[in-house]
Amino acid sequence: MQSLFITATGTNVGKTHTTLKLIEAFASKGLAVGVFKPIETGVIDTPPDANILLKVCQKVNRNFKDLTPQDITAYTFPLPAAPFCADAEHDINLQHIIEKHQELSKLCDILLIEGAGGLMVPITKEYMMINLIKELEAKTLLVTPSRLGCINDTLLSILALRTFDVPFDWCINLFEDKEDFEKVTKPFYDAVFPEWWSVGDGLDQFIRSY
């Protein structure tokens, strides 16, 4: 079983959108795909991201058929904030997240793990999302935005992943400022990262390595 952690430069970049595309892409290659949303904040009742991930996963993996959105999350909190801030009672037990990962891993060939926010989002006072990626020994897909300012965000996230020695690939979710992307961002990516790819047209080539 392999794990792929889907992270991003920040919130509202397109992690869930990308994960849904990955479920379909891996399933089309005959792999039993599983999903895991370790922590979701801004949850009043049913965790929305976990809910949509699970519904799509259930279409391609019968082992997830009887699970609920709560079964594929370790913690949910009502406050839409970083996990450390949302966890006002400090309930998060990192071992519980690890055990949930192990449990779900048994149900699939590849487990897609969707993070919360970006790499340096605090889960506890001293434990960030990137620490969880490292502990799970997961390959990582970094999703970056196309809006103005994304070059800085992309480079900082790549630096963090390299500093923590995390194996990763990265892609662009061409959505925000899409019309201006060709002029204000693409020239730099073409010059420095000529093999960059987008969620819309590069997933098939990406999954060939699995």
Protein backbone atom coordinates (compact mmCIF):
# COMPACT_ATOMS: atom_id res chain seq x y z
CA MET A 1 0.00 0.00 0.00
CA GLN A 2 1.22 3.48 -0.84
CA SER A 3 0.19 6.83 0.60
CA LEU A 4 -0.02 10.08 -1.32
CA PHE A 5 -0.46 13.26 0.70
CA ILE A 6 -2.18 16.10 -1.13
CA THR A 7 -1.18 19.45 0.31
CA ALA A 8 -1.17 23.04 -0.97
CA THR A 9 0.42 26.42 -0.52
CA GLY A 10 -2.54 27.40 1.64
CA THR A 11 -6.28 27.10 2.05
CA ASN A 12 -8.78 27.33 -0.83
CA VAL A 13 -6.17 26.39 -3.42
CA GLY A 14 -7.76 23.18 -4.70
CA LYS A 15 -6.75 20.21 -2.57
CA THR A 16 -10.19 18.60 -2.61
CA HIS A 17 -10.66 19.26 -6.33
CA THR A 18 -7.30 17.64 -7.05
CA THR A 19 -7.93 14.69 -4.75
CA LEU A 20 -11.23 13.96 -6.47
CA LYS A 21 -9.47 13.97 -9.84
CA LEU A 22 -6.82 11.62 -8.42
CA ILE A 23 -9.44 9.16 -7.16
CA GLU A 24 -10.84 8.85 -10.66
CA ALA A 25 -7.41 8.70 -12.31
CA PHE A 26 -5.99 5.98 -10.06
CA ALA A 27 -9.22 3.98 -10.25
CA SER A 28 -9.06 4.08 -14.05
CA LYS A 29 -5.71 2.29 -13.77
CA GLY A 30 -7.29 -0.53 -11.78
CA LEU A 31 -6.09 0.52 -8.34
CA ALA A 32 -8.30 0.33 -5.25
CA VAL A 33 -8.25 3.91 -4.02
CA GLY A 34 -8.86 5.02 -0.43
CA VAL A 35 -9.24 8.46 1.13
CA PHE A 36 -8.26 9.96 4.47
CA LYS A 37 -8.90 13.48 5.77
CA PRO A 38 -6.93 13.49 9.05
CA ILE A 39 -8.29 16.80 10.33
CA GLU A 40 -11.11 19.00 9.07
CA THR A 41 -12.09 22.29 10.64
CA GLY A 42 -15.16 24.43 10.07
CA VAL A 43 -17.35 21.39 10.65
CA ILE A 44 -20.76 21.84 12.25
CA ASP A 45 -22.26 18.44 11.52
CA THR A 46 -20.94 16.35 8.61
CA PRO A 47 -17.39 17.22 7.47
CA PRO A 48 -18.01 18.55 3.93
CA ASP A 49 -14.63 17.71 2.39
CA ALA A 50 -14.57 14.21 3.86
CA ASN A 51 -18.15 13.69 2.73
CA ILE A 52 -17.51 14.46 -0.93
CA LEU A 53 -14.22 12.54 -0.95
CA LEU A 54 -15.91 9.48 0.50
CA LYS A 55 -18.85 9.57 -1.93
CA VAL A 56 -16.51 9.48 -4.92
CA CYS A 57 -14.28 6.88 -3.30
CA GLN A 58 -17.23 4.59 -2.62
CA LYS A 59 -17.96 4.46 -6.35
CA VAL A 60 -14.60 2.84 -7.04
CA ASN A 61 -13.73 0.93 -3.84
CA ARG A 62 -16.27 -1.37 -2.21
CA ASN A 63 -14.14 -1.56 0.95
CA PHE A 64 -15.21 2.02 1.72
CA LYS A 65 -18.89 1.41 0.96
CA ASP A 66 -20.09 1.15 4.57
CA LEU A 67 -17.89 3.91 5.99
CA THR A 68 -19.13 7.34 7.03
CA PRO A 69 -17.35 10.69 6.62
CA GLN A 70 -16.47 10.50 10.31
CA ASP A 71 -14.76 7.15 9.67
CA ILE A 72 -12.26 8.70 7.29
CA THR A 73 -11.39 11.60 9.58
CA ALA A 74 -9.48 11.53 12.85
CA TYR A 75 -10.63 14.91 14.18
CA THR A 76 -13.17 17.58 13.25
CA PHE A 77 -13.71 20.97 14.84
CA PRO A 78 -16.39 23.65 14.32
CA LEU A 79 -14.02 26.63 14.21
CA PRO A 80 -12.67 27.26 10.67
CA ALA A 81 -9.05 27.73 11.70
CA ALA A 82 -5.70 25.98 11.92
CA PRO A 83 -6.12 22.69 13.85
CA PHE A 84 -4.14 23.96 16.86
CA CYS A 85 -6.42 26.99 17.15
CA ALA A 86 -9.61 25.06 16.42
CA ASP A 87 -8.69 22.43 19.02
CA ALA A 88 -9.48 24.64 22.00
CA GLU A 89 -9.49 21.71 24.43
CA HIS A 90 -6.24 20.26 23.03
CA ASP A 91 -7.90 16.94 22.22
CA ILE A 92 -5.66 16.03 19.29
CA ASN A 93 -3.70 12.84 19.89
CA LEU A 94 -1.16 12.33 17.11
CA GLN A 95 -1.11 8.57 17.69
CA HIS A 96 -4.82 8.42 16.89
CA ILE A 97 -4.12 9.98 13.49
CA ILE A 98 -1.37 7.44 12.84
CA GLU A 99 -3.64 4.55 13.83
CA LYS A 100 -6.45 5.84 11.60
CA HIS A 101 -3.99 5.97 8.72
CA GLN A 102 -2.96 2.38 9.35
CA GLU A 103 -6.59 1.27 9.57
CA LEU A 104 -7.63 2.86 6.28
CA SER A 105 -4.45 1.71 4.53
CA LYS A 106 -5.62 -1.88 4.86
CA LEU A 107 -8.64 -1.15 2.66
CA CYS A 108 -6.86 0.04 -0.47
CA ASP A 109 -3.88 -0.08 -2.81
CA ILE A 110 -3.22 3.62 -2.50
CA LEU A 111 -4.47 5.96 0.22
CA LEU A 112 -4.98 9.60 -0.73
CA ILE A 113 -4.52 11.83 2.30
CA GLU A 114 -5.85 15.36 2.06
CA GLY A 115 -4.22 17.83 4.41
CA ALA A 116 -5.66 20.97 5.99
CA GLY A 117 -4.31 24.28 4.78
CA GLY A 118 -0.63 24.37 3.89
CA LEU A 119 2.55 22.66 5.01
CA MET A 120 3.30 24.81 8.05
CA VAL A 121 -0.22 24.79 9.47
CA PRO A 122 0.09 23.86 13.18
CA ILE A 123 -1.60 20.69 14.36
CA THR A 124 -0.20 21.10 17.87
CA LYS A 125 2.05 23.80 19.29
CA GLU A 126 5.20 22.21 17.87
CA TYR A 127 3.88 19.76 15.26
CA MET A 128 3.00 21.04 11.80
CA MET A 129 1.25 19.45 8.84
CA ILE A 130 4.64 18.79 7.24
CA ASN A 131 5.66 16.81 10.34
CA LEU A 132 2.65 14.56 9.78
CA ILE A 133 3.62 14.05 6.14
CA LYS A 134 7.11 13.07 7.23
CA GLU A 135 5.86 10.70 9.92
CA LEU A 136 3.46 8.95 7.55
CA GLU A 137 6.34 8.51 5.08
CA ALA A 138 3.98 9.63 2.33
CA LYS A 139 4.90 10.84 -1.09
CA THR A 140 3.48 14.31 -1.52
CA LEU A 141 1.70 16.28 -4.20
CA LEU A 142 1.85 20.03 -3.68
CA VAL A 143 -1.00 21.97 -5.30
CA THR A 144 -0.25 25.61 -6.05
CA PRO A 145 -2.60 28.37 -7.21
CA SER A 146 -2.45 30.43 -10.40
CA ARG A 147 -3.23 33.78 -8.82
CA LEU A 148 -0.83 36.70 -8.60
CA GLY A 149 1.70 36.00 -5.86
CA CYS A 150 1.76 32.25 -6.37
CA ILE A 151 5.44 32.15 -7.36
CA ASN A 152 6.48 33.20 -3.87
CA ASP A 153 4.08 30.74 -2.24
CA THR A 154 5.24 27.92 -4.50
CA LEU A 155 8.94 28.52 -3.87
CA LEU A 156 8.47 28.73 -0.10
CA SER A 157 6.51 25.46 -0.04
CA ILE A 158 9.09 23.70 -2.23
CA LEU A 159 11.82 24.95 0.11
CA ALA A 160 9.97 23.52 3.11
CA LEU A 161 9.52 20.13 1.46
CA ARG A 162 13.18 19.97 0.49
CA THR A 163 14.27 21.07 3.96
CA PHE A 164 12.25 18.24 5.52
CA ASP A 165 13.52 15.82 2.85
CA VAL A 166 9.99 14.91 1.71
CA PRO A 167 9.64 13.28 -1.74
CA PHE A 168 7.21 15.42 -3.72
CA ASP A 169 5.84 16.55 -7.03
CA TRP A 170 3.86 19.73 -7.60
CA CYS A 171 1.21 21.02 -9.94
CA ILE A 172 -0.82 24.14 -10.60
CA ASN A 173 -4.56 24.43 -10.19
CA LEU A 174 -5.32 26.84 -13.02
CA PHE A 175 -8.31 28.67 -11.62
CA GLU A 176 -7.80 32.11 -10.09
CA ASP A 177 -6.42 34.87 -12.37
CA LYS A 178 -6.31 32.27 -15.11
CA GLU A 179 -6.45 34.89 -17.86
CA ASP A 180 -3.39 36.72 -16.47
CA PHE A 181 -1.38 33.58 -15.68
CA GLU A 182 0.22 33.45 -19.13
CA LYS A 183 1.81 36.88 -18.63
CA VAL A 184 2.42 37.29 -14.91
CA THR A 185 3.45 33.78 -13.79
CA LYS A 186 4.01 31.30 -16.61
CA PRO A 187 7.24 32.92 -17.92
CA PHE A 188 9.01 32.19 -14.62
CA TYR A 189 7.73 28.63 -14.37
CA ASP A 190 8.72 27.98 -17.99
CA ALA A 191 12.23 29.25 -17.29
CA VAL A 192 12.83 27.56 -13.94
CA PHE A 193 10.44 24.58 -13.96
CA PRO A 194 9.97 23.70 -17.65
CA GLU A 195 8.26 20.42 -16.73
CA TRP A 196 5.55 22.05 -14.61
CA TRP A 197 2.04 20.72 -15.13
CA SER A 198 -1.52 21.55 -14.20
CA VAL A 199 -4.26 19.54 -12.54
CA GLY A 200 -6.30 19.78 -15.72
CA ASP A 201 -3.82 18.20 -18.10
CA GLY A 202 -1.06 16.41 -16.21
CA LEU A 203 -2.60 13.85 -13.88
CA ASP A 204 -2.40 10.91 -16.27
CA GLN A 205 1.34 11.30 -16.68
CA PHE A 206 1.77 11.82 -12.93
CA ILE A 207 0.10 8.56 -11.93
CA ARG A 208 2.18 6.49 -14.32
CA SER A 209 4.81 6.29 -11.58
CA TYR A 210 2.43 4.24 -9.40
